[in-house]
N, C-alpha and C. Protein backbone atom coordinates (compact mmCIF):
# COMPACT_ATOMS: atom_id res chain seq x y z
N MET A 1 102.25 113.20 74.41
CA MET A 1 103.50 113.69 73.87
C MET A 1 103.73 115.11 74.38
N SER A 2 104.94 115.39 74.81
CA SER A 2 105.26 116.74 75.25
C SER A 2 106.28 117.37 74.30
N VAL A 3 106.24 118.68 74.26
CA VAL A 3 107.17 119.44 73.44
C VAL A 3 107.95 120.36 74.37
N SER A 4 109.25 120.38 74.19
CA SER A 4 110.11 121.21 75.05
C SER A 4 110.72 122.35 74.26
N SER A 5 111.15 123.36 75.01
CA SER A 5 111.84 124.50 74.43
C SER A 5 113.09 124.77 75.28
N VAL A 6 114.01 125.55 74.73
CA VAL A 6 115.25 125.86 75.42
C VAL A 6 115.40 127.37 75.54
N SER A 7 115.80 127.80 76.72
CA SER A 7 116.10 129.21 76.95
C SER A 7 117.55 129.30 77.42
N HIS A 8 118.26 130.31 76.96
CA HIS A 8 119.65 130.51 77.36
C HIS A 8 119.70 131.71 78.31
N VAL A 9 120.35 131.51 79.45
CA VAL A 9 120.41 132.53 80.49
C VAL A 9 121.85 132.67 80.98
N SER A 10 122.27 133.88 81.24
CA SER A 10 123.56 134.13 81.90
C SER A 10 123.26 134.77 83.25
N ALA A 11 124.00 134.33 84.27
CA ALA A 11 123.80 134.86 85.61
C ALA A 11 125.15 135.08 86.27
N ALA A 12 125.22 136.06 87.16
CA ALA A 12 126.48 136.40 87.81
C ALA A 12 126.31 136.49 89.32
N SER A 13 127.41 136.25 90.02
CA SER A 13 127.44 136.36 91.47
C SER A 13 128.84 136.76 91.92
N PRO A 14 128.93 137.59 92.94
CA PRO A 14 130.26 137.92 93.49
C PRO A 14 130.78 136.83 94.43
N VAL A 15 129.95 135.80 94.71
CA VAL A 15 130.28 134.78 95.71
C VAL A 15 130.92 133.53 95.10
N SER A 16 130.22 132.90 94.12
CA SER A 16 130.70 131.63 93.56
C SER A 16 129.94 131.26 92.30
N PHE A 17 130.46 130.25 91.58
CA PHE A 17 129.75 129.73 90.42
C PHE A 17 128.43 129.10 90.86
N GLN A 18 128.44 128.38 91.97
CA GLN A 18 127.22 127.74 92.49
C GLN A 18 126.15 128.79 92.78
N ASP A 19 126.54 129.89 93.39
CA ASP A 19 125.59 130.96 93.69
C ASP A 19 125.04 131.57 92.41
N ALA A 20 125.89 131.74 91.41
CA ALA A 20 125.43 132.27 90.12
C ALA A 20 124.42 131.31 89.48
N LEU A 21 124.69 130.01 89.55
CA LEU A 21 123.76 129.00 89.03
C LEU A 21 122.41 129.10 89.73
N GLU A 22 122.43 129.16 91.05
CA GLU A 22 121.19 129.23 91.82
C GLU A 22 120.42 130.51 91.53
N LYS A 23 121.11 131.63 91.37
CA LYS A 23 120.44 132.88 91.03
C LYS A 23 119.83 132.82 89.64
N GLY A 24 120.56 132.24 88.69
CA GLY A 24 120.03 132.10 87.33
C GLY A 24 118.80 131.23 87.28
N TYR A 25 118.84 130.11 87.99
CA TYR A 25 117.68 129.21 88.03
C TYR A 25 116.50 129.89 88.72
N ALA A 26 116.75 130.57 89.84
CA ALA A 26 115.67 131.24 90.57
C ALA A 26 115.00 132.28 89.69
N ARG A 27 115.80 133.04 88.96
CA ARG A 27 115.21 134.07 88.08
C ARG A 27 114.42 133.46 86.94
N ALA A 28 114.97 132.42 86.31
CA ALA A 28 114.27 131.76 85.20
C ALA A 28 112.96 131.14 85.66
N SER A 29 112.94 130.58 86.86
CA SER A 29 111.73 129.91 87.35
C SER A 29 110.60 130.89 87.66
N LYS A 30 110.89 132.19 87.70
CA LYS A 30 109.84 133.17 87.89
C LYS A 30 108.96 133.32 86.65
N THR A 31 109.53 133.07 85.47
CA THR A 31 108.78 133.26 84.23
C THR A 31 108.61 131.99 83.40
N LEU A 32 109.42 130.98 83.66
CA LEU A 32 109.32 129.73 82.90
C LEU A 32 108.70 128.66 83.79
N ARG A 33 107.64 128.01 83.28
CA ARG A 33 107.03 126.91 84.02
C ARG A 33 107.47 125.60 83.39
N GLY A 34 107.47 124.55 84.16
CA GLY A 34 107.79 123.22 83.64
C GLY A 34 109.27 123.02 83.34
N ILE A 35 110.15 123.65 84.12
CA ILE A 35 111.59 123.47 83.90
C ILE A 35 111.96 122.01 84.18
N GLU A 36 112.62 121.39 83.20
CA GLU A 36 113.01 119.98 83.31
C GLU A 36 114.48 119.83 83.66
N THR A 37 115.33 120.61 83.02
CA THR A 37 116.78 120.51 83.26
C THR A 37 117.44 121.88 83.16
N VAL A 38 118.54 121.98 83.87
CA VAL A 38 119.40 123.16 83.78
C VAL A 38 120.81 122.65 83.51
N GLU A 39 121.40 123.09 82.41
CA GLU A 39 122.75 122.67 82.05
C GLU A 39 123.68 123.87 82.06
N VAL A 40 124.79 123.75 82.76
CA VAL A 40 125.80 124.80 82.74
C VAL A 40 126.64 124.58 81.48
N VAL A 41 126.56 125.51 80.55
CA VAL A 41 127.29 125.36 79.29
C VAL A 41 128.57 126.18 79.26
N GLY A 42 128.74 127.06 80.26
CA GLY A 42 129.97 127.84 80.33
C GLY A 42 130.14 128.50 81.67
N GLU A 43 131.38 128.69 82.04
CA GLU A 43 131.73 129.41 83.27
C GLU A 43 132.87 130.35 82.96
N ARG A 44 132.84 131.52 83.58
CA ARG A 44 133.95 132.46 83.44
C ARG A 44 133.94 133.37 84.67
N ALA A 45 135.04 134.02 84.90
CA ALA A 45 135.15 134.95 86.02
C ALA A 45 135.64 136.29 85.50
N ASN A 46 135.03 137.34 85.98
CA ASN A 46 135.48 138.69 85.66
C ASN A 46 136.49 139.11 86.72
N VAL A 47 137.64 139.60 86.27
CA VAL A 47 138.74 139.94 87.15
C VAL A 47 138.96 141.45 87.14
N GLU A 48 139.21 141.99 88.33
CA GLU A 48 139.50 143.42 88.45
C GLU A 48 140.62 143.59 89.47
N ALA A 49 141.64 144.30 89.11
CA ALA A 49 142.79 144.57 89.99
C ALA A 49 143.40 143.28 90.53
N GLY A 50 143.48 142.27 89.68
CA GLY A 50 144.13 141.02 90.06
C GLY A 50 143.31 140.09 90.93
N ALA A 51 142.04 140.39 91.13
CA ALA A 51 141.18 139.53 91.95
C ALA A 51 139.87 139.26 91.22
N VAL A 52 139.27 138.12 91.51
CA VAL A 52 137.98 137.77 90.90
C VAL A 52 136.91 138.70 91.45
N LYS A 53 136.23 139.39 90.53
CA LYS A 53 135.17 140.32 90.93
C LYS A 53 133.81 139.64 90.93
N GLU A 54 133.56 138.80 89.90
CA GLU A 54 132.30 138.06 89.87
C GLU A 54 132.43 136.80 89.04
N TYR A 55 131.62 135.83 89.40
CA TYR A 55 131.56 134.54 88.72
C TYR A 55 130.33 134.55 87.82
N VAL A 56 130.50 134.08 86.58
CA VAL A 56 129.41 134.11 85.61
C VAL A 56 129.20 132.71 85.06
N VAL A 57 127.93 132.29 84.97
CA VAL A 57 127.59 131.01 84.34
C VAL A 57 126.64 131.26 83.19
N ASP A 58 126.80 130.48 82.14
CA ASP A 58 125.86 130.47 81.02
C ASP A 58 125.07 129.18 81.15
N LEU A 59 123.74 129.31 81.16
CA LEU A 59 122.86 128.18 81.40
C LEU A 59 121.97 127.90 80.20
N LYS A 60 121.71 126.61 79.98
CA LYS A 60 120.71 126.17 79.01
C LYS A 60 119.58 125.57 79.83
N ILE A 61 118.40 126.18 79.75
CA ILE A 61 117.27 125.75 80.55
C ILE A 61 116.22 125.13 79.63
N VAL A 62 115.91 123.86 79.88
CA VAL A 62 114.92 123.14 79.06
C VAL A 62 113.62 123.07 79.86
N PHE A 63 112.53 123.46 79.19
CA PHE A 63 111.22 123.45 79.86
C PHE A 63 110.15 122.94 78.90
N THR A 64 109.10 122.36 79.46
CA THR A 64 108.00 121.80 78.68
C THR A 64 107.02 122.92 78.31
N LEU A 65 106.64 122.95 77.04
CA LEU A 65 105.64 123.93 76.61
C LEU A 65 104.26 123.47 77.03
N GLU A 66 103.42 124.43 77.46
CA GLU A 66 102.06 124.09 77.87
C GLU A 66 101.21 123.79 76.65
N LYS A 67 100.19 122.99 76.87
CA LYS A 67 99.27 122.63 75.78
C LYS A 67 98.40 123.80 75.39
């Protein structure tokens, strides 16, 4: 039997939502082992002077707890 936990992470990128997702996952994987799923629970863009400045994703990361 395995037990899982959830971590919530927000990540940003000036390039795209996909890039923000990849950066968030890469950062989380440095400290969380056993990542099973990554769910994008929200997306938003920060706007400055009428243009998108950065893309932000909110992630739910599910990982297995070690024994």
